[in-house]
Amino acid sequence: MPFTFEDHDPDTYRRKARIISVAMAGQLIVFGLVFAQLLTATFGSSLWLNALGVLLGLMATSLVFAVLRERPWMAEMRYVWQLKHHLSRISGYLSSLRRGVEEGNDVALHLLTVYHQGMAQLAELNGRTLDDDSELLAERLRVRQLRHEKGLPERVEAFDPEDLRAFRKR
């Protein structure tokens, strides 16, 4: 399934991420305490029953969150999770992609562009700056230059994760 880059307001994303994180933590605490209290009241006090209560609280929180993640107000969060997932997949192929770019492979160039564009967007959404790693900066510049030489736009709109199958993982 192709992944399409979307534009999201970084401030809105960070605000929602903070609210959702606090809500999930609170929900986990409440569910964990309730389950632990129920188990220890029923079977007697035990460290293992308390731990089981916390585990059941985690499972209940995960279940509630899985149901809520499809809601429209979770669009930014869903997008960032998908972006992180795809960037993580691409990072496993970086050495092969870099070799492919040096050999003139256009698919490798496209995927490396996706990687750098996604990392930049993720940094922007999280309110961070990109790494000052000189090798990554040079690679980003090289990719931009190669795209310019080939008459390709600087930014890509989407990519198909299936394109990674043509490359070997590290």
N, C-alpha and C. Protein backbone atom coordinates (compact mmCIF):
# COMPACT_ATOMS: atom_id res chain seq x y z
N MET A 1 0.84 -1.17 0.00
CA MET A 1 0.00 0.00 0.00
C MET A 1 0.89 1.25 0.00
N PRO A 2 0.76 2.09 -0.99
CA PRO A 2 1.62 3.28 -1.08
C PRO A 2 1.43 4.23 0.10
N PHE A 3 2.51 4.88 0.46
CA PHE A 3 2.49 5.87 1.53
C PHE A 3 2.59 7.25 0.89
N THR A 4 1.70 8.15 1.27
CA THR A 4 1.68 9.50 0.73
C THR A 4 2.03 10.48 1.83
N PHE A 5 2.95 11.39 1.53
CA PHE A 5 3.31 12.42 2.50
C PHE A 5 2.13 13.38 2.67
N GLU A 6 1.90 13.77 3.90
CA GLU A 6 0.83 14.72 4.23
C GLU A 6 1.44 15.89 4.98
N ASP A 7 0.76 17.02 4.92
CA ASP A 7 1.18 18.19 5.69
C ASP A 7 0.32 18.29 6.94
N HIS A 8 0.99 18.37 8.09
CA HIS A 8 0.31 18.53 9.37
C HIS A 8 0.98 19.66 10.13
N ASP A 9 0.19 20.37 10.89
CA ASP A 9 0.70 21.46 11.70
C ASP A 9 1.49 20.88 12.89
N PRO A 10 2.77 21.23 13.01
CA PRO A 10 3.58 20.68 14.10
C PRO A 10 3.04 21.02 15.49
N ASP A 11 2.52 22.23 15.68
CA ASP A 11 2.01 22.61 16.99
C ASP A 11 0.78 21.77 17.36
N THR A 12 -0.10 21.56 16.41
CA THR A 12 -1.29 20.74 16.65
C THR A 12 -0.87 19.30 16.97
N TYR A 13 0.08 18.77 16.20
CA TYR A 13 0.55 17.41 16.45
C TYR A 13 1.13 17.28 17.85
N ARG A 14 2.01 18.20 18.23
CA ARG A 14 2.65 18.11 19.55
C ARG A 14 1.63 18.26 20.67
N ARG A 15 0.66 19.14 20.51
CA ARG A 15 -0.38 19.33 21.52
C ARG A 15 -1.19 18.04 21.68
N LYS A 16 -1.62 17.46 20.57
CA LYS A 16 -2.39 16.23 20.63
C LYS A 16 -1.57 15.08 21.20
N ALA A 17 -0.30 15.03 20.83
CA ALA A 17 0.57 13.95 21.33
C ALA A 17 0.72 14.04 22.85
N ARG A 18 0.87 15.25 23.37
CA ARG A 18 0.98 15.41 24.83
C ARG A 18 -0.32 15.00 25.52
N ILE A 19 -1.45 15.45 25.00
CA ILE A 19 -2.74 15.13 25.60
C ILE A 19 -2.97 13.62 25.59
N ILE A 20 -2.70 12.99 24.46
CA ILE A 20 -2.93 11.55 24.34
C ILE A 20 -1.98 10.78 25.24
N SER A 21 -0.73 11.22 25.35
CA SER A 21 0.22 10.54 26.23
C SER A 21 -0.21 10.61 27.68
N VAL A 22 -0.64 11.77 28.11
CA VAL A 22 -1.10 11.92 29.50
C VAL A 22 -2.36 11.08 29.73
N ALA A 23 -3.27 11.11 28.76
CA ALA A 23 -4.50 10.32 28.90
C ALA A 23 -4.20 8.83 28.97
N MET A 24 -3.28 8.36 28.13
CA MET A 24 -2.92 6.94 28.16
C MET A 24 -2.25 6.56 29.47
N ALA A 25 -1.36 7.40 29.95
CA ALA A 25 -0.69 7.11 31.22
C ALA A 25 -1.70 7.07 32.36
N GLY A 26 -2.62 8.04 32.37
CA GLY A 26 -3.66 8.04 33.41
C GLY A 26 -4.55 6.81 33.32
N GLN A 27 -4.91 6.46 32.11
CA GLN A 27 -5.75 5.29 31.90
C GLN A 27 -5.03 4.02 32.36
N LEU A 28 -3.76 3.90 32.06
CA LEU A 28 -2.98 2.74 32.48
C LEU A 28 -2.92 2.66 34.00
N ILE A 29 -2.72 3.79 34.65
CA ILE A 29 -2.65 3.79 36.12
C ILE A 29 -3.99 3.36 36.71
N VAL A 30 -5.07 3.91 36.20
CA VAL A 30 -6.40 3.57 36.73
C VAL A 30 -6.72 2.10 36.48
N PHE A 31 -6.54 1.65 35.24
CA PHE A 31 -6.83 0.24 34.94
C PHE A 31 -5.92 -0.69 35.75
N GLY A 32 -4.64 -0.35 35.85
CA GLY A 32 -3.72 -1.19 36.61
C GLY A 32 -4.12 -1.30 38.07
N LEU A 33 -4.49 -0.17 38.67
CA LEU A 33 -4.92 -0.19 40.07
C LEU A 33 -6.22 -0.97 40.26
N VAL A 34 -7.18 -0.76 39.37
CA VAL A 34 -8.46 -1.46 39.48
C VAL A 34 -8.26 -2.97 39.36
N PHE A 35 -7.52 -3.41 38.35
CA PHE A 35 -7.30 -4.85 38.18
C PHE A 35 -6.50 -5.42 39.33
N ALA A 36 -5.48 -4.71 39.79
CA ALA A 36 -4.68 -5.21 40.92
C ALA A 36 -5.54 -5.31 42.18
N GLN A 37 -6.40 -4.32 42.43
CA GLN A 37 -7.28 -4.36 43.59
C GLN A 37 -8.27 -5.52 43.50
N LEU A 38 -8.84 -5.71 42.31
CA LEU A 38 -9.78 -6.82 42.13
C LEU A 38 -9.11 -8.18 42.36
N LEU A 39 -7.93 -8.34 41.80
CA LEU A 39 -7.23 -9.63 41.94
C LEU A 39 -6.80 -9.88 43.39
N THR A 40 -6.25 -8.87 44.04
CA THR A 40 -5.80 -9.08 45.43
C THR A 40 -6.99 -9.22 46.38
N ALA A 41 -8.12 -8.58 46.10
CA ALA A 41 -9.31 -8.74 46.94
C ALA A 41 -9.89 -10.14 46.78
N THR A 42 -9.78 -10.67 45.58
CA THR A 42 -10.35 -11.99 45.30
C THR A 42 -9.44 -13.12 45.74
N PHE A 43 -8.15 -13.02 45.46
CA PHE A 43 -7.23 -14.13 45.70
C PHE A 43 -6.22 -13.88 46.81
N GLY A 44 -6.23 -12.75 47.45
CA GLY A 44 -5.27 -12.44 48.51
C GLY A 44 -4.11 -11.63 47.95
N SER A 45 -3.40 -11.00 48.87
CA SER A 45 -2.31 -10.11 48.48
C SER A 45 -1.09 -10.90 48.01
N SER A 46 -0.56 -10.48 46.87
CA SER A 46 0.63 -11.12 46.30
C SER A 46 1.26 -10.17 45.29
N LEU A 47 2.58 -10.17 45.26
CA LEU A 47 3.30 -9.35 44.29
C LEU A 47 2.94 -9.76 42.87
N TRP A 48 2.78 -11.07 42.64
CA TRP A 48 2.47 -11.57 41.31
C TRP A 48 1.07 -11.14 40.86
N LEU A 49 0.14 -11.10 41.80
CA LEU A 49 -1.21 -10.65 41.44
C LEU A 49 -1.22 -9.16 41.13
N ASN A 50 -0.42 -8.39 41.86
CA ASN A 50 -0.30 -6.96 41.55
C ASN A 50 0.31 -6.76 40.16
N ALA A 51 1.35 -7.54 39.86
CA ALA A 51 1.99 -7.46 38.54
C ALA A 51 1.00 -7.87 37.45
N LEU A 52 0.21 -8.90 37.72
CA LEU A 52 -0.80 -9.33 36.76
C LEU A 52 -1.86 -8.25 36.55
N GLY A 53 -2.22 -7.55 37.61
CA GLY A 53 -3.16 -6.44 37.51
C GLY A 53 -2.63 -5.34 36.62
N VAL A 54 -1.35 -5.02 36.77
CA VAL A 54 -0.72 -4.00 35.92
C VAL A 54 -0.69 -4.48 34.46
N LEU A 55 -0.38 -5.74 34.25
CA LEU A 55 -0.36 -6.30 32.89
C LEU A 55 -1.77 -6.25 32.27
N LEU A 56 -2.78 -6.60 33.05
CA LEU A 56 -4.15 -6.52 32.54
C LEU A 56 -4.54 -5.06 32.27
N GLY A 57 -4.07 -4.14 33.09
CA GLY A 57 -4.31 -2.72 32.85
C GLY A 57 -3.67 -2.26 31.56
N LEU A 58 -2.46 -2.74 31.30
CA LEU A 58 -1.77 -2.41 30.05
C LEU A 58 -2.53 -2.96 28.85
N MET A 59 -3.03 -4.18 28.98
CA MET A 59 -3.78 -4.77 27.87
C MET A 59 -5.09 -4.01 27.64
N ALA A 60 -5.77 -3.63 28.71
CA ALA A 60 -7.03 -2.88 28.56
C ALA A 60 -6.77 -1.51 27.94
N THR A 61 -5.70 -0.85 28.36
CA THR A 61 -5.33 0.45 27.79
C THR A 61 -5.02 0.30 26.30
N SER A 62 -4.28 -0.74 25.95
CA SER A 62 -3.96 -0.99 24.54
C SER A 62 -5.21 -1.25 23.72
N LEU A 63 -6.14 -1.99 24.28
CA LEU A 63 -7.38 -2.28 23.58
C LEU A 63 -8.20 -1.01 23.34
N VAL A 64 -8.32 -0.17 24.36
CA VAL A 64 -9.05 1.09 24.21
C VAL A 64 -8.37 1.96 23.17
N PHE A 65 -7.05 2.01 23.23
CA PHE A 65 -6.30 2.84 22.29
C PHE A 65 -6.42 2.31 20.86
N ALA A 66 -6.44 0.98 20.69
CA ALA A 66 -6.59 0.39 19.35
C ALA A 66 -7.94 0.75 18.75
N VAL A 67 -8.96 0.82 19.58
CA VAL A 67 -10.29 1.20 19.10
C VAL A 67 -10.32 2.68 18.73
N LEU A 68 -9.69 3.52 19.54
CA LEU A 68 -9.74 4.96 19.33
C LEU A 68 -8.82 5.46 18.21
N ARG A 69 -7.83 4.69 17.82
CA ARG A 69 -6.85 5.21 16.85
C ARG A 69 -7.43 5.46 15.47
N GLU A 70 -8.57 4.91 15.17
CA GLU A 70 -9.21 5.12 13.87
C GLU A 70 -10.10 6.36 13.85
N ARG A 71 -10.23 7.03 14.95
CA ARG A 71 -11.06 8.24 15.02
C ARG A 71 -10.41 9.37 14.23
N PRO A 72 -11.21 10.26 13.64
CA PRO A 72 -10.67 11.36 12.84
C PRO A 72 -9.71 12.28 13.60
N TRP A 73 -9.93 12.48 14.88
CA TRP A 73 -9.05 13.37 15.65
C TRP A 73 -7.69 12.75 15.92
N MET A 74 -7.50 11.50 15.53
CA MET A 74 -6.21 10.83 15.69
C MET A 74 -5.41 10.82 14.38
N ALA A 75 -5.83 11.58 13.38
CA ALA A 75 -5.20 11.53 12.05
C ALA A 75 -3.71 11.84 12.11
N GLU A 76 -3.34 12.88 12.85
CA GLU A 76 -1.92 13.25 12.94
C GLU A 76 -1.10 12.13 13.57
N MET A 77 -1.64 11.53 14.63
CA MET A 77 -0.92 10.46 15.32
C MET A 77 -0.75 9.25 14.41
N ARG A 78 -1.83 8.88 13.72
CA ARG A 78 -1.75 7.74 12.78
C ARG A 78 -0.70 8.00 11.71
N TYR A 79 -0.70 9.21 11.17
CA TYR A 79 0.25 9.55 10.12
C TYR A 79 1.69 9.43 10.63
N VAL A 80 1.97 9.97 11.81
CA VAL A 80 3.34 9.91 12.34
C VAL A 80 3.75 8.48 12.64
N TRP A 81 2.84 7.64 13.14
CA TRP A 81 3.17 6.24 13.37
C TRP A 81 3.53 5.56 12.05
N GLN A 82 2.74 5.81 11.00
CA GLN A 82 3.03 5.22 9.70
C GLN A 82 4.37 5.73 9.16
N LEU A 83 4.61 7.03 9.31
CA LEU A 83 5.87 7.61 8.85
C LEU A 83 7.05 6.96 9.56
N LYS A 84 6.96 6.84 10.87
CA LYS A 84 8.05 6.21 11.64
C LYS A 84 8.25 4.76 11.22
N HIS A 85 7.17 4.05 10.99
CA HIS A 85 7.26 2.66 10.56
C HIS A 85 7.99 2.55 9.22
N HIS A 86 7.61 3.38 8.26
CA HIS A 86 8.25 3.32 6.95
C HIS A 86 9.71 3.77 7.01
N LEU A 87 10.01 4.79 7.80
CA LEU A 87 11.41 5.22 7.94
C LEU A 87 12.26 4.13 8.58
N SER A 88 11.68 3.44 9.53
CA SER A 88 12.41 2.34 10.17
C SER A 88 12.69 1.23 9.17
N ARG A 89 11.71 0.92 8.34
CA ARG A 89 11.93 -0.10 7.29
C ARG A 89 13.00 0.33 6.32
N ILE A 90 12.93 1.58 5.86
CA ILE A 90 13.91 2.07 4.89
C ILE A 90 15.30 2.09 5.49
N SER A 91 15.41 2.42 6.76
CA SER A 91 16.75 2.51 7.39
C SER A 91 17.47 1.16 7.38
N GLY A 92 16.71 0.08 7.35
CA GLY A 92 17.33 -1.24 7.25
C GLY A 92 17.96 -1.51 5.90
N TYR A 93 17.63 -0.72 4.91
CA TYR A 93 18.13 -0.90 3.55
C TYR A 93 19.08 0.22 3.13
N LEU A 94 19.46 1.10 4.04
CA LEU A 94 20.23 2.29 3.65
C LEU A 94 21.53 1.97 2.92
N SER A 95 22.26 0.97 3.36
CA SER A 95 23.54 0.68 2.69
C SER A 95 23.30 0.23 1.25
N SER A 96 22.28 -0.60 1.03
CA SER A 96 21.95 -1.04 -0.33
C SER A 96 21.44 0.12 -1.17
N LEU A 97 20.65 0.99 -0.56
CA LEU A 97 20.12 2.15 -1.29
C LEU A 97 21.25 3.10 -1.69
N ARG A 98 22.20 3.30 -0.79
CA ARG A 98 23.34 4.18 -1.11
C ARG A 98 24.16 3.61 -2.26
N ARG A 99 24.37 2.29 -2.24
CA ARG A 99 25.08 1.66 -3.36
C ARG A 99 24.29 1.83 -4.65
N GLY A 100 22.97 1.64 -4.55
CA GLY A 100 22.12 1.78 -5.73
C GLY A 100 22.16 3.18 -6.31
N VAL A 101 22.19 4.19 -5.44
CA VAL A 101 22.27 5.58 -5.91
C VAL A 101 23.59 5.80 -6.63
N GLU A 102 24.68 5.27 -6.10
CA GLU A 102 25.99 5.42 -6.75
C GLU A 102 26.03 4.70 -8.09
N GLU A 103 25.23 3.64 -8.24
CA GLU A 103 25.17 2.91 -9.51
C GLU A 103 24.17 3.52 -10.49
N GLY A 104 23.49 4.59 -10.07
CA GLY A 104 22.55 5.27 -10.96
C GLY A 104 21.13 4.72 -10.93
N ASN A 105 20.78 3.96 -9.91
CA ASN A 105 19.45 3.38 -9.79
C ASN A 105 18.45 4.46 -9.35
N ASP A 106 17.46 4.73 -10.20
CA ASP A 106 16.47 5.77 -9.92
C ASP A 106 15.55 5.41 -8.75
N VAL A 107 15.25 4.11 -8.60
CA VAL A 107 14.39 3.68 -7.49
C VAL A 107 15.11 3.92 -6.16
N ALA A 108 16.40 3.61 -6.13
CA ALA A 108 17.19 3.85 -4.91
C ALA A 108 17.24 5.33 -4.60
N LEU A 109 17.39 6.16 -5.61
CA LEU A 109 17.40 7.60 -5.42
C LEU A 109 16.06 8.07 -4.86
N HIS A 110 14.98 7.54 -5.39
CA HIS A 110 13.65 7.91 -4.91
C HIS A 110 13.48 7.52 -3.43
N LEU A 111 13.88 6.30 -3.09
CA LEU A 111 13.73 5.82 -1.70
C LEU A 111 14.62 6.59 -0.74
N LEU A 112 15.82 6.93 -1.17
CA LEU A 112 16.72 7.72 -0.31
C LEU A 112 16.16 9.13 -0.13
N THR A 113 15.53 9.66 -1.16
CA THR A 113 14.86 10.96 -1.04
C THR A 113 13.72 10.86 -0.03
N VAL A 114 12.94 9.79 -0.12
CA VAL A 114 11.84 9.57 0.83
C VAL A 114 12.39 9.53 2.25
N TYR A 115 13.50 8.83 2.45
CA TYR A 115 14.09 8.72 3.79
C TYR A 115 14.47 10.09 4.33
N HIS A 116 15.20 10.86 3.56
CA HIS A 116 15.64 12.18 4.05
C HIS A 116 14.47 13.13 4.22
N GLN A 117 13.52 13.09 3.31
CA GLN A 117 12.34 13.96 3.43
C GLN A 117 11.51 13.56 4.66
N GLY A 118 11.36 12.27 4.89
CA GLY A 118 10.61 11.80 6.05
C GLY A 118 11.29 12.15 7.36
N MET A 119 12.62 12.02 7.40
CA MET A 119 13.36 12.38 8.62
C MET A 119 13.22 13.87 8.89
N ALA A 120 13.27 14.68 7.85
CA ALA A 120 13.12 16.13 8.02
C ALA A 120 11.71 16.47 8.52
N GLN A 121 10.71 15.81 7.97
CA GLN A 121 9.34 16.08 8.40
C GLN A 121 9.12 15.62 9.84
N LEU A 122 9.66 14.48 10.19
CA LEU A 122 9.53 13.98 11.55
C LEU A 122 10.20 14.92 12.55
N ALA A 123 11.36 15.43 12.20
CA ALA A 123 12.05 16.39 13.07
C ALA A 123 11.21 17.66 13.22
N GLU A 124 10.64 18.12 12.12
CA GLU A 124 9.80 19.33 12.18
C GLU A 124 8.57 19.11 13.04
N LEU A 125 7.90 17.97 12.88
CA LEU A 125 6.70 17.69 13.67
C LEU A 125 7.01 17.59 15.15
N ASN A 126 8.17 17.04 15.47
CA ASN A 126 8.56 16.89 16.88
C ASN A 126 9.22 18.13 17.45
N GLY A 127 9.41 19.16 16.63
CA GLY A 127 10.01 20.39 17.12
C GLY A 127 11.50 20.27 17.37
N ARG A 128 12.15 19.42 16.61
CA ARG A 128 13.59 19.22 16.78
C ARG A 128 14.31 19.64 15.50
N THR A 129 15.61 19.77 15.61
CA THR A 129 16.42 20.05 14.43
C THR A 129 17.00 18.74 13.92
N LEU A 130 17.33 18.72 12.65
CA LEU A 130 17.98 17.54 12.10
C LEU A 130 19.37 17.39 12.68
N ASP A 131 19.87 16.18 12.68
CA ASP A 131 21.22 15.94 13.18
C ASP A 131 22.22 16.78 12.42
N ASP A 132 23.26 17.16 13.11
CA ASP A 132 24.33 17.93 12.48
C ASP A 132 25.42 17.01 11.93
N ASP A 133 25.06 15.77 11.67
CA ASP A 133 26.00 14.80 11.14
C ASP A 133 26.40 15.22 9.73
N SER A 134 27.69 15.49 9.55
CA SER A 134 28.17 16.01 8.26
C SER A 134 27.96 15.01 7.12
N GLU A 135 28.05 13.71 7.42
CA GLU A 135 27.84 12.71 6.37
C GLU A 135 26.39 12.72 5.89
N LEU A 136 25.45 12.83 6.82
CA LEU A 136 24.04 12.87 6.43
C LEU A 136 23.72 14.16 5.68
N LEU A 137 24.29 15.26 6.11
CA LEU A 137 24.09 16.53 5.41
C LEU A 137 24.63 16.45 3.99
N ALA A 138 25.81 15.87 3.86
CA ALA A 138 26.41 15.72 2.53
C ALA A 138 25.57 14.80 1.66
N GLU A 139 25.07 13.71 2.24
CA GLU A 139 24.24 12.78 1.48
C GLU A 139 22.94 13.46 1.05
N ARG A 140 22.33 14.22 1.94
CA ARG A 140 21.10 14.92 1.62
C ARG A 140 21.32 15.90 0.46
N LEU A 141 22.44 16.59 0.52
CA LEU A 141 22.79 17.54 -0.54
C LEU A 141 23.05 16.80 -1.86
N ARG A 142 23.73 15.67 -1.78
CA ARG A 142 24.03 14.87 -2.97
C ARG A 142 22.74 14.35 -3.61
N VAL A 143 21.82 13.88 -2.80
CA VAL A 143 20.54 13.39 -3.32
C VAL A 143 19.78 14.52 -4.00
N ARG A 144 19.76 15.68 -3.38
CA ARG A 144 19.08 16.84 -3.96
C ARG A 144 19.72 17.21 -5.30
N GLN A 145 21.06 17.17 -5.34
CA GLN A 145 21.78 17.52 -6.56
C GLN A 145 21.49 16.50 -7.68
N LEU A 146 21.50 15.22 -7.35
CA LEU A 146 21.20 14.18 -8.35
C LEU A 146 19.78 14.33 -8.90
N ARG A 147 18.84 14.62 -8.03
CA ARG A 147 17.46 14.81 -8.48
C ARG A 147 17.37 16.02 -9.41
N HIS A 148 18.10 17.07 -9.08
CA HIS A 148 18.10 18.27 -9.92
C HIS A 148 18.71 17.96 -11.29
N GLU A 149 19.82 17.20 -11.30
CA GLU A 149 20.47 16.84 -12.57
C GLU A 149 19.54 16.01 -13.46
N LYS A 150 18.72 15.17 -12.85
CA LYS A 150 17.82 14.31 -13.62
C LYS A 150 16.50 14.99 -13.94
N GLY A 151 16.36 16.24 -13.50
CA GLY A 151 15.13 16.98 -13.77
C GLY A 151 13.95 16.55 -12.92
N LEU A 152 14.26 15.93 -11.79
CA LEU A 152 13.20 15.48 -10.88
C LEU A 152 12.92 16.55 -9.84
N PRO A 153 11.69 16.62 -9.34
CA PRO A 153 11.41 17.60 -8.29
C PRO A 153 12.19 17.27 -7.02
N GLU A 154 12.45 18.30 -6.24
CA GLU A 154 13.24 18.12 -5.02
C GLU A 154 12.52 17.24 -4.00
N ARG A 155 11.20 17.38 -3.93
CA ARG A 155 10.39 16.62 -2.98
C ARG A 155 9.62 15.52 -3.70
N VAL A 156 9.34 14.45 -2.97
CA VAL A 156 8.49 13.39 -3.50
C VAL A 156 7.14 13.45 -2.79
N GLU A 157 6.12 12.97 -3.45
CA GLU A 157 4.78 13.02 -2.86
C GLU A 157 4.42 11.71 -2.16
N ALA A 158 4.94 10.59 -2.68
CA ALA A 158 4.56 9.28 -2.16
C ALA A 158 5.63 8.26 -2.53
N PHE A 159 5.50 7.08 -1.95
CA PHE A 159 6.36 5.96 -2.35
C PHE A 159 5.64 4.66 -2.04
N ASP A 160 6.08 3.62 -2.73
CA ASP A 160 5.51 2.29 -2.52
C ASP A 160 6.53 1.47 -1.73
N PRO A 161 6.19 1.03 -0.52
CA PRO A 161 7.13 0.23 0.29
C PRO A 161 7.58 -1.05 -0.41
N GLU A 162 6.81 -1.51 -1.38
CA GLU A 162 7.19 -2.72 -2.11
C GLU A 162 8.46 -2.50 -2.94
N ASP A 163 8.80 -1.24 -3.21
CA ASP A 163 10.03 -0.94 -3.95
C ASP A 163 11.27 -1.41 -3.20
N LEU A 164 11.17 -1.56 -1.89
CA LEU A 164 12.32 -2.01 -1.10
C LEU A 164 12.71 -3.46 -1.41
N ARG A 165 11.79 -4.22 -1.96
CA ARG A 165 12.08 -5.65 -2.25
C ARG A 165 13.22 -5.82 -3.24
N ALA A 166 13.47 -4.80 -4.05
CA ALA A 166 14.53 -4.89 -5.05
C ALA A 166 15.92 -4.76 -4.42
N PHE A 167 15.97 -4.43 -3.14
CA PHE A 167 17.25 -4.20 -2.47
C PHE A 167 17.44 -5.19 -1.33
N ARG A 168 18.71 -5.40 -0.98
CA ARG A 168 19.03 -6.31 0.11
C ARG A 168 19.10 -5.54 1.41
N LYS A 169 18.61 -6.19 2.45
CA LYS A 169 18.69 -5.60 3.78
C LYS A 169 20.12 -5.77 4.26
N ARG A 170 20.60 -4.82 5.02
CA ARG A 170 21.98 -4.82 5.55
C ARG A 170 22.62 -6.14 5.52
